[in-house]
Amino acid sequence: MNTENYKFFQNTKCEYFPCHKTKDKENFNCLFCYCPLYMLKGDCGGNFIKNAGIKDCTNCLVPHSPGSYERIMSKIKEVIKRGSDF
């Protein structure tokens, strides 16, 4: 039996659930509660704005939408590379 349950987690008891406005709470993925792509700045591929000089991801659902696991894992090597660059 091949399952992929590790790609989806939902914490409906979280006081912030859902942490972003969505019409699809049933498929809201909490696995990447804090987006690992944040550090990629403008290269993250998400829907963000600059708000007073700070990256504001309020309207981004990239880490919480269906397919988020594959999308984030496809960019994780770049996150590791940038985080390891002394």
PDB file of N, CA and C in Angstrom:
ATOM      1  N   MET A   1       0.842  -1.183   0.000  1.00  0.00           N
ATOM      2  CA  MET A   1       0.000   0.000   0.000  1.00  0.00           C
ATOM      3  C   MET A   1       0.885   1.245   0.000  1.00  0.00           C
ATOM      4  N   ASN A   2       0.736   2.070  -0.990  1.00  0.00           N
ATOM      5  CA  ASN A   2       1.540   3.279  -1.120  1.00  0.00           C
ATOM      6  C   ASN A   2       0.695   4.482  -0.732  1.00  0.00           C
ATOM      7  N   THR A   3       0.989   5.066   0.415  1.00  0.00           N
ATOM      8  CA  THR A   3       0.261   6.256   0.849  1.00  0.00           C
ATOM      9  C   THR A   3       1.202   7.447   0.888  1.00  0.00           C
ATOM     10  N   GLU A   4       0.640   8.584   0.837  1.00  0.00           N
ATOM     11  CA  GLU A   4       1.425   9.815   0.896  1.00  0.00           C
ATOM     12  C   GLU A   4       0.842  10.757   1.947  1.00  0.00           C
ATOM     13  N   ASN A   5       0.465  10.196   3.086  1.00  0.00           N
ATOM     14  CA  ASN A   5      -0.129  10.993   4.158  1.00  0.00           C
ATOM     15  C   ASN A   5       0.835  12.020   4.723  1.00  0.00           C
ATOM     16  N   TYR A   6       2.135  11.811   4.549  1.00  0.00           N
ATOM     17  CA  TYR A   6       3.137  12.733   5.073  1.00  0.00           C
ATOM     18  C   TYR A   6       3.101  14.088   4.367  1.00  0.00           C
ATOM     19  N   LYS A   7       2.386  14.185   3.259  1.00  0.00           N
ATOM     20  CA  LYS A   7       2.321  15.416   2.487  1.00  0.00           C
ATOM     21  C   LYS A   7       1.211  16.360   2.950  1.00  0.00           C
ATOM     22  N   PHE A   8       0.393  15.911   3.890  1.00  0.00           N
ATOM     23  CA  PHE A   8      -0.735  16.727   4.326  1.00  0.00           C
ATOM     24  C   PHE A   8      -0.945  16.573   5.826  1.00  0.00           C
ATOM     25  N   PHE A   9      -1.121  17.702   6.489  1.00  0.00           N
ATOM     26  CA  PHE A   9      -1.436  17.725   7.920  1.00  0.00           C
ATOM     27  C   PHE A   9      -2.367  18.906   8.163  1.00  0.00           C
ATOM     28  N   GLN A  10      -3.342  18.691   9.007  1.00  0.00           N
ATOM     29  CA  GLN A  10      -4.262  19.774   9.322  1.00  0.00           C
ATOM     30  C   GLN A  10      -4.504  19.830  10.825  1.00  0.00           C
ATOM     31  N   ASN A  11      -4.365  21.017  11.387  1.00  0.00           N
ATOM     32  CA  ASN A  11      -4.583  21.212  12.819  1.00  0.00           C
ATOM     33  C   ASN A  11      -5.751  22.173  13.011  1.00  0.00           C
ATOM     34  N   THR A  12      -6.956  21.645  12.984  1.00  0.00           N
ATOM     35  CA  THR A  12      -8.145  22.481  13.112  1.00  0.00           C
ATOM     36  C   THR A  12      -8.321  23.018  14.527  1.00  0.00           C
ATOM     37  N   LYS A  13      -7.580  22.483  15.482  1.00  0.00           N
ATOM     38  CA  LYS A  13      -7.663  22.975  16.856  1.00  0.00           C
ATOM     39  C   LYS A  13      -6.735  24.165  17.103  1.00  0.00           C
ATOM     40  N   CYS A  14      -5.899  24.479  16.137  1.00  0.00           N
ATOM     41  CA  CYS A  14      -5.004  25.630  16.251  1.00  0.00           C
ATOM     42  C   CYS A  14      -5.835  26.908  16.357  1.00  0.00           C
ATOM     43  N   GLU A  15      -5.469  27.773  17.276  1.00  0.00           N
ATOM     44  CA  GLU A  15      -6.223  29.015  17.446  1.00  0.00           C
ATOM     45  C   GLU A  15      -6.147  29.947  16.237  1.00  0.00           C
ATOM     46  N   TYR A  16      -5.245  29.677  15.322  1.00  0.00           N
ATOM     47  CA  TYR A  16      -5.100  30.502  14.125  1.00  0.00           C
ATOM     48  C   TYR A  16      -5.668  29.836  12.864  1.00  0.00           C
ATOM     49  N   PHE A  17      -6.220  28.637  13.001  1.00  0.00           N
ATOM     50  CA  PHE A  17      -6.702  27.895  11.833  1.00  0.00           C
ATOM     51  C   PHE A  17      -7.958  28.526  11.249  1.00  0.00           C
ATOM     52  N   PRO A  18      -8.009  28.721   9.959  1.00  0.00           N
ATOM     53  CA  PRO A  18      -6.880  28.758   9.038  1.00  0.00           C
ATOM     54  C   PRO A  18      -6.164  30.101   9.170  1.00  0.00           C
ATOM     55  N   CYS A  19      -4.884  30.098   9.012  1.00  0.00           N
ATOM     56  CA  CYS A  19      -4.077  31.309   9.224  1.00  0.00           C
ATOM     57  C   CYS A  19      -4.161  32.283   8.055  1.00  0.00           C
ATOM     58  N   HIS A  20      -4.751  31.851   6.943  1.00  0.00           N
ATOM     59  CA  HIS A  20      -4.965  32.706   5.771  1.00  0.00           C
ATOM     60  C   HIS A  20      -6.413  32.556   5.339  1.00  0.00           C
ATOM     61  N   LYS A  21      -6.958  33.598   4.734  1.00  0.00           N
ATOM     62  CA  LYS A  21      -8.322  33.524   4.223  1.00  0.00           C
ATOM     63  C   LYS A  21      -8.372  32.493   3.108  1.00  0.00           C
ATOM     64  N   THR A  22      -9.336  31.594   3.188  1.00  0.00           N
ATOM     65  CA  THR A  22      -9.495  30.555   2.168  1.00  0.00           C
ATOM     66  C   THR A  22     -10.951  30.139   2.078  1.00  0.00           C
ATOM     67  N   LYS A  23     -11.348  29.718   0.914  1.00  0.00           N
ATOM     68  CA  LYS A  23     -12.693  29.188   0.715  1.00  0.00           C
ATOM     69  C   LYS A  23     -12.692  27.674   0.850  1.00  0.00           C
ATOM     70  N   ASP A  24     -11.501  27.085   0.992  1.00  0.00           N
ATOM     71  CA  ASP A  24     -11.349  25.630   0.981  1.00  0.00           C
ATOM     72  C   ASP A  24     -10.652  25.139   2.261  1.00  0.00           C
ATOM     73  N   LYS A  25     -11.329  25.303   3.397  1.00  0.00           N
ATOM     74  CA  LYS A  25     -10.739  24.890   4.675  1.00  0.00           C
ATOM     75  C   LYS A  25     -10.453  23.392   4.732  1.00  0.00           C
ATOM     76  N   GLU A  26     -11.250  22.593   4.025  1.00  0.00           N
ATOM     77  CA  GLU A  26     -11.101  21.139   4.046  1.00  0.00           C
ATOM     78  C   GLU A  26      -9.739  20.691   3.519  1.00  0.00           C
ATOM     79  N   ASN A  27      -9.203  21.418   2.547  1.00  0.00           N
ATOM     80  CA  ASN A  27      -7.915  21.055   1.945  1.00  0.00           C
ATOM     81  C   ASN A  27      -6.775  21.973   2.380  1.00  0.00           C
ATOM     82  N   PHE A  28      -6.990  22.761   3.428  1.00  0.00           N
ATOM     83  CA  PHE A  28      -5.969  23.677   3.926  1.00  0.00           C
ATOM     84  C   PHE A  28      -4.884  22.867   4.624  1.00  0.00           C
ATOM     85  N   ASN A  29      -3.676  22.933   4.097  1.00  0.00           N
ATOM     86  CA  ASN A  29      -2.560  22.123   4.595  1.00  0.00           C
ATOM     87  C   ASN A  29      -1.726  22.923   5.596  1.00  0.00           C
ATOM     88  N   CYS A  30      -1.598  22.413   6.799  1.00  0.00           N
ATOM     89  CA  CYS A  30      -0.822  23.066   7.860  1.00  0.00           C
ATOM     90  C   CYS A  30       0.607  22.520   7.953  1.00  0.00           C
ATOM     91  N   LEU A  31       0.972  21.594   7.077  1.00  0.00           N
ATOM     92  CA  LEU A  31       2.281  20.946   7.155  1.00  0.00           C
ATOM     93  C   LEU A  31       3.415  21.956   7.200  1.00  0.00           C
ATOM     94  N   PHE A  32       3.359  22.968   6.342  1.00  0.00           N
ATOM     95  CA  PHE A  32       4.384  24.011   6.324  1.00  0.00           C
ATOM     96  C   PHE A  32       3.805  25.263   6.973  1.00  0.00           C
ATOM     97  N   CYS A  33       3.589  25.163   8.264  1.00  0.00           N
ATOM     98  CA  CYS A  33       3.007  26.269   9.028  1.00  0.00           C
ATOM     99  C   CYS A  33       3.805  27.547   8.797  1.00  0.00           C
ATOM    100  N   TYR A  34       5.101  27.439   8.869  1.00  0.00           N
ATOM    101  CA  TYR A  34       5.995  28.550   8.519  1.00  0.00           C
ATOM    102  C   TYR A  34       6.639  28.183   7.201  1.00  0.00           C
ATOM    103  N   CYS A  35       6.435  28.988   6.195  1.00  0.00           N
ATOM    104  CA  CYS A  35       6.883  28.650   4.847  1.00  0.00           C
ATOM    105  C   CYS A  35       8.403  28.586   4.755  1.00  0.00           C
ATOM    106  N   PRO A  36       8.948  27.445   4.358  1.00  0.00           N
ATOM    107  CA  PRO A  36      10.396  27.322   4.214  1.00  0.00           C
ATOM    108  C   PRO A  36      10.942  28.088   3.009  1.00  0.00           C
ATOM    109  N   LEU A  37      10.057  28.627   2.179  1.00  0.00           N
ATOM    110  CA  LEU A  37      10.506  29.383   1.011  1.00  0.00           C
ATOM    111  C   LEU A  37      10.622  30.880   1.301  1.00  0.00           C
ATOM    112  N   TYR A  38      10.252  31.313   2.485  1.00  0.00           N
ATOM    113  CA  TYR A  38      10.281  32.734   2.840  1.00  0.00           C
ATOM    114  C   TYR A  38      11.649  33.347   2.573  1.00  0.00           C
ATOM    115  N   MET A  39      12.698  32.613   2.926  1.00  0.00           N
ATOM    116  CA  MET A  39      14.059  33.145   2.803  1.00  0.00           C
ATOM    117  C   MET A  39      14.504  33.336   1.350  1.00  0.00           C
ATOM    118  N   LEU A  40      13.752  32.797   0.405  1.00  0.00           N
ATOM    119  CA  LEU A  40      14.104  32.973  -1.000  1.00  0.00           C
ATOM    120  C   LEU A  40      13.714  34.354  -1.519  1.00  0.00           C
ATOM    121  N   LYS A  41      13.157  35.148  -0.653  1.00  0.00           N
ATOM    122  CA  LYS A  41      12.742  36.517  -0.982  1.00  0.00           C
ATOM    123  C   LYS A  41      11.858  36.517  -2.221  1.00  0.00           C
ATOM    124  N   GLY A  42      12.202  37.272  -3.250  1.00  0.00           N
ATOM    125  CA  GLY A  42      11.373  37.383  -4.450  1.00  0.00           C
ATOM    126  C   GLY A  42      11.342  36.143  -5.317  1.00  0.00           C
ATOM    127  N   ASP A  43      12.209  35.174  -5.019  1.00  0.00           N
ATOM    128  CA  ASP A  43      12.284  33.941  -5.811  1.00  0.00           C
ATOM    129  C   ASP A  43      11.427  32.811  -5.239  1.00  0.00           C
ATOM    130  N   CYS A  44      10.620  33.099  -4.237  1.00  0.00           N
ATOM    131  CA  CYS A  44       9.833  32.045  -3.593  1.00  0.00           C
ATOM    132  C   CYS A  44       8.703  31.526  -4.479  1.00  0.00           C
ATOM    133  N   GLY A  45       8.215  32.374  -5.389  1.00  0.00           N
ATOM    134  CA  GLY A  45       7.128  31.967  -6.276  1.00  0.00           C
ATOM    135  C   GLY A  45       5.752  32.169  -5.678  1.00  0.00           C
ATOM    136  N   GLY A  46       5.694  32.779  -4.517  1.00  0.00           N
ATOM    137  CA  GLY A  46       4.413  32.982  -3.856  1.00  0.00           C
ATOM    138  C   GLY A  46       3.800  34.347  -4.133  1.00  0.00           C
ATOM    139  N   ASN A  47       2.641  34.551  -3.560  1.00  0.00           N
ATOM    140  CA  ASN A  47       1.884  35.785  -3.714  1.00  0.00           C
ATOM    141  C   ASN A  47       2.140  36.666  -2.495  1.00  0.00           C
ATOM    142  N   PHE A  48       3.171  37.512  -2.573  1.00  0.00           N
ATOM    143  CA  PHE A  48       3.509  38.364  -1.447  1.00  0.00           C
ATOM    144  C   PHE A  48       3.592  39.815  -1.908  1.00  0.00           C
ATOM    145  N   ILE A  49       3.596  40.714  -0.940  1.00  0.00           N
ATOM    146  CA  ILE A  49       3.807  42.128  -1.204  1.00  0.00           C
ATOM    147  C   ILE A  49       4.854  42.628  -0.219  1.00  0.00           C
ATOM    148  N   LYS A  50       5.420  43.785  -0.512  1.00  0.00           N
ATOM    149  CA  LYS A  50       6.292  44.447   0.455  1.00  0.00           C
ATOM    150  C   LYS A  50       5.429  45.436   1.215  1.00  0.00           C
ATOM    151  N   ASN A  51       5.450  45.317   2.518  1.00  0.00           N
ATOM    152  CA  ASN A  51       4.650  46.163   3.385  1.00  0.00           C
ATOM    153  C   ASN A  51       5.600  46.837   4.366  1.00  0.00           C
ATOM    154  N   ALA A  52       5.842  48.109   4.193  1.00  0.00           N
ATOM    155  CA  ALA A  52       6.785  48.869   5.026  1.00  0.00           C
ATOM    156  C   ALA A  52       8.162  48.209   5.012  1.00  0.00           C
ATOM    157  N   GLY A  53       8.571  47.707   3.835  1.00  0.00           N
ATOM    158  CA  GLY A  53       9.885  47.100   3.694  1.00  0.00           C
ATOM    159  C   GLY A  53       9.991  45.667   4.178  1.00  0.00           C
ATOM    160  N   ILE A  54       8.878  45.078   4.551  1.00  0.00           N
ATOM    161  CA  ILE A  54       8.868  43.697   5.064  1.00  0.00           C
ATOM    162  C   ILE A  54       8.042  42.830   4.121  1.00  0.00           C
ATOM    163  N   LYS A  55       8.526  41.629   3.857  1.00  0.00           N
ATOM    164  CA  LYS A  55       7.804  40.688   3.002  1.00  0.00           C
ATOM    165  C   LYS A  55       6.533  40.252   3.729  1.00  0.00           C
ATOM    166  N   ASP A  56       5.396  40.522   3.128  1.00  0.00           N
ATOM    167  CA  ASP A  56       4.090  40.224   3.719  1.00  0.00           C
ATOM    168  C   ASP A  56       3.416  39.124   2.908  1.00  0.00           C
ATOM    169  N   CYS A  57       3.271  37.957   3.497  1.00  0.00           N
ATOM    170  CA  CYS A  57       2.716  36.775   2.821  1.00  0.00           C
ATOM    171  C   CYS A  57       1.260  36.515   3.201  1.00  0.00           C
ATOM    172  N   THR A  58       0.593  37.521   3.720  1.00  0.00           N
ATOM    173  CA  THR A  58      -0.785  37.369   4.184  1.00  0.00           C
ATOM    174  C   THR A  58      -1.693  36.741   3.130  1.00  0.00           C
ATOM    175  N   ASN A  59      -1.530  37.113   1.877  1.00  0.00           N
ATOM    176  CA  ASN A  59      -2.406  36.625   0.810  1.00  0.00           C
ATOM    177  C   ASN A  59      -1.859  35.412   0.073  1.00  0.00           C
ATOM    178  N   CYS A  60      -0.798  34.817   0.566  1.00  0.00           N
ATOM    179  CA  CYS A  60      -0.189  33.676  -0.114  1.00  0.00           C
ATOM    180  C   CYS A  60      -0.681  32.347   0.459  1.00  0.00           C
ATOM    181  N   LEU A  61      -1.122  31.480  -0.411  1.00  0.00           N
ATOM    182  CA  LEU A  61      -1.580  30.152  -0.001  1.00  0.00           C
ATOM    183  C   LEU A  61      -0.674  29.038  -0.527  1.00  0.00           C
ATOM    184  N   VAL A  62       0.485  29.391  -1.085  1.00  0.00           N
ATOM    185  CA  VAL A  62       1.380  28.387  -1.661  1.00  0.00           C
ATOM    186  C   VAL A  62       1.655  27.227  -0.699  1.00  0.00           C
ATOM    187  N   PRO A  63       2.076  27.470   0.541  1.00  0.00           N
ATOM    188  CA  PRO A  63       2.398  26.328   1.407  1.00  0.00           C
ATOM    189  C   PRO A  63       1.168  25.595   1.941  1.00  0.00           C
ATOM    190  N   HIS A  64      -0.025  26.128   1.706  1.00  0.00           N
ATOM    191  CA  HIS A  64      -1.235  25.553   2.288  1.00  0.00           C
ATOM    192  C   HIS A  64      -2.181  24.929   1.271  1.00  0.00           C
ATOM    193  N   SER A  65      -1.844  24.999  -0.006  1.00  0.00           N
ATOM    194  CA  SER A  65      -2.732  24.522  -1.072  1.00  0.00           C
ATOM    195  C   SER A  65      -2.372  23.111  -1.528  1.00  0.00           C
ATOM    196  N   PRO A  66      -3.299  22.430  -2.206  1.00  0.00           N
ATOM    197  CA  PRO A  66      -2.967  21.128  -2.779  1.00  0.00           C
ATOM    198  C   PRO A  66      -1.738  21.246  -3.686  1.00  0.00           C
ATOM    199  N   GLY A  67      -0.842  20.292  -3.581  1.00  0.00           N
ATOM    200  CA  GLY A  67       0.390  20.309  -4.362  1.00  0.00           C
ATOM    201  C   GLY A  67       1.516  21.079  -3.688  1.00  0.00           C
ATOM    202  N   SER A  68       1.254  21.597  -2.487  1.00  0.00           N
ATOM    203  CA  SER A  68       2.263  22.411  -1.804  1.00  0.00           C
ATOM    204  C   SER A  68       3.518  21.617  -1.466  1.00  0.00           C
ATOM    205  N   TYR A  69       3.363  20.364  -1.106  1.00  0.00           N
ATOM    206  CA  TYR A  69       4.534  19.555  -0.753  1.00  0.00           C
ATOM    207  C   TYR A  69       5.493  19.463  -1.941  1.00  0.00           C
ATOM    208  N   GLU A  70       4.967  19.117  -3.093  1.00  0.00           N
ATOM    209  CA  GLU A  70       5.806  18.976  -4.293  1.00  0.00           C
ATOM    210  C   GLU A  70       6.434  20.317  -4.680  1.00  0.00           C
ATOM    211  N   ARG A  71       5.661  21.372  -4.611  1.00  0.00           N
ATOM    212  CA  ARG A  71       6.164  22.694  -4.980  1.00  0.00           C
ATOM    213  C   ARG A  71       7.299  23.138  -4.060  1.00  0.00           C
ATOM    214  N   ILE A  72       7.121  22.961  -2.768  1.00  0.00           N
ATOM    215  CA  ILE A  72       8.154  23.372  -1.816  1.00  0.00           C
ATOM    216  C   ILE A  72       9.380  22.480  -1.940  1.00  0.00           C
ATOM    217  N   MET A  73       9.190  21.194  -2.069  1.00  0.00           N
ATOM    218  CA  MET A  73      10.338  20.289  -2.178  1.00  0.00           C
ATOM    219  C   MET A  73      11.126  20.543  -3.462  1.00  0.00           C
ATOM    220  N   SER A  74      10.471  21.038  -4.503  1.00  0.00           N
ATOM    221  CA  SER A  74      11.185  21.333  -5.746  1.00  0.00           C
ATOM    222  C   SER A  74      12.126  22.535  -5.583  1.00  0.00           C
ATOM    223  N   LYS A  75      11.904  23.348  -4.551  1.00  0.00           N
ATOM    224  CA  LYS A  75      12.743  24.526  -4.318  1.00  0.00           C
ATOM    225  C   LYS A  75      13.622  24.392  -3.073  1.00  0.00           C
ATOM    226  N   ILE A  76      13.514  23.299  -2.362  1.00  0.00           N
ATOM    227  CA  ILE A  76      14.210  23.175  -1.077  1.00  0.00           C
ATOM    228  C   ILE A  76      15.729  23.137  -1.240  1.00  0.00           C
ATOM    229  N   LYS A  77      16.238  22.647  -2.365  1.00  0.00           N
ATOM    230  CA  LYS A  77      17.690  22.654  -2.586  1.00  0.00           C
ATOM    231  C   LYS A  77      18.223  24.080  -2.625  1.00  0.00           C
ATOM    232  N   GLU A  78      17.458  24.990  -3.202  1.00  0.00           N
ATOM    233  CA  GLU A  78      17.872  26.392  -3.243  1.00  0.00           C
ATOM    234  C   GLU A  78      17.853  27.002  -1.839  1.00  0.00           C
ATOM    235  N   VAL A  79      16.876  26.632  -1.033  1.00  0.00           N
ATOM    236  CA  VAL A  79      16.811  27.098   0.360  1.00  0.00           C
ATOM    237  C   VAL A  79      18.055  26.629   1.114  1.00  0.00           C
ATOM    238  N   ILE A  80      18.401  25.361   0.952  1.00  0.00           N
ATOM    239  CA  ILE A  80      19.577  24.794   1.627  1.00  0.00           C
ATOM    240  C   ILE A  80      20.850  25.477   1.140  1.00  0.00           C
ATOM    241  N   LYS A  81      20.936  25.684  -0.166  1.00  0.00           N
ATOM    242  CA  LYS A  81      22.113  26.329  -0.743  1.00  0.00           C
ATOM    243  C   LYS A  81      22.310  27.731  -0.164  1.00  0.00           C
ATOM    244  N   ARG A  82      21.245  28.516  -0.165  1.00  0.00           N
ATOM    245  CA  ARG A  82      21.357  29.883   0.342  1.00  0.00           C
ATOM    246  C   ARG A  82      21.601  29.909   1.851  1.00  0.00           C
ATOM    247  N   GLY A  83      21.005  28.986   2.573  1.00  0.00           N
ATOM    248  CA  GLY A  83      21.192  28.931   4.017  1.00  0.00           C
ATOM    249  C   GLY A  83      22.569  28.430   4.416  1.00  0.00           C
ATOM    250  N   SER A  84      23.232  27.714   3.530  1.00  0.00           N
ATOM    251  CA  SER A  84      24.550  27.151   3.820  1.00  0.00           C
ATOM    252  C   SER A  84      25.688  28.014   3.300  1.00  0.00           C
ATOM    253  N   ASP A  85      25.355  29.058   2.569  1.00  0.00           N
ATOM    254  CA  ASP A  85      26.367  29.917   1.964  1.00  0.00           C
ATOM    255  C   ASP A  85      26.895  30.911   2.990  1.00  0.00           C
ATOM    256  N   PHE A  86      28.087  30.639   3.506  1.00  0.00           N
ATOM    257  CA  PHE A  86      28.662  31.520   4.531  1.00  0.00           C
ATOM    258  C   PHE A  86      29.310  32.680   3.856  1.00  0.00           C
TER     259      PHE A  86
END
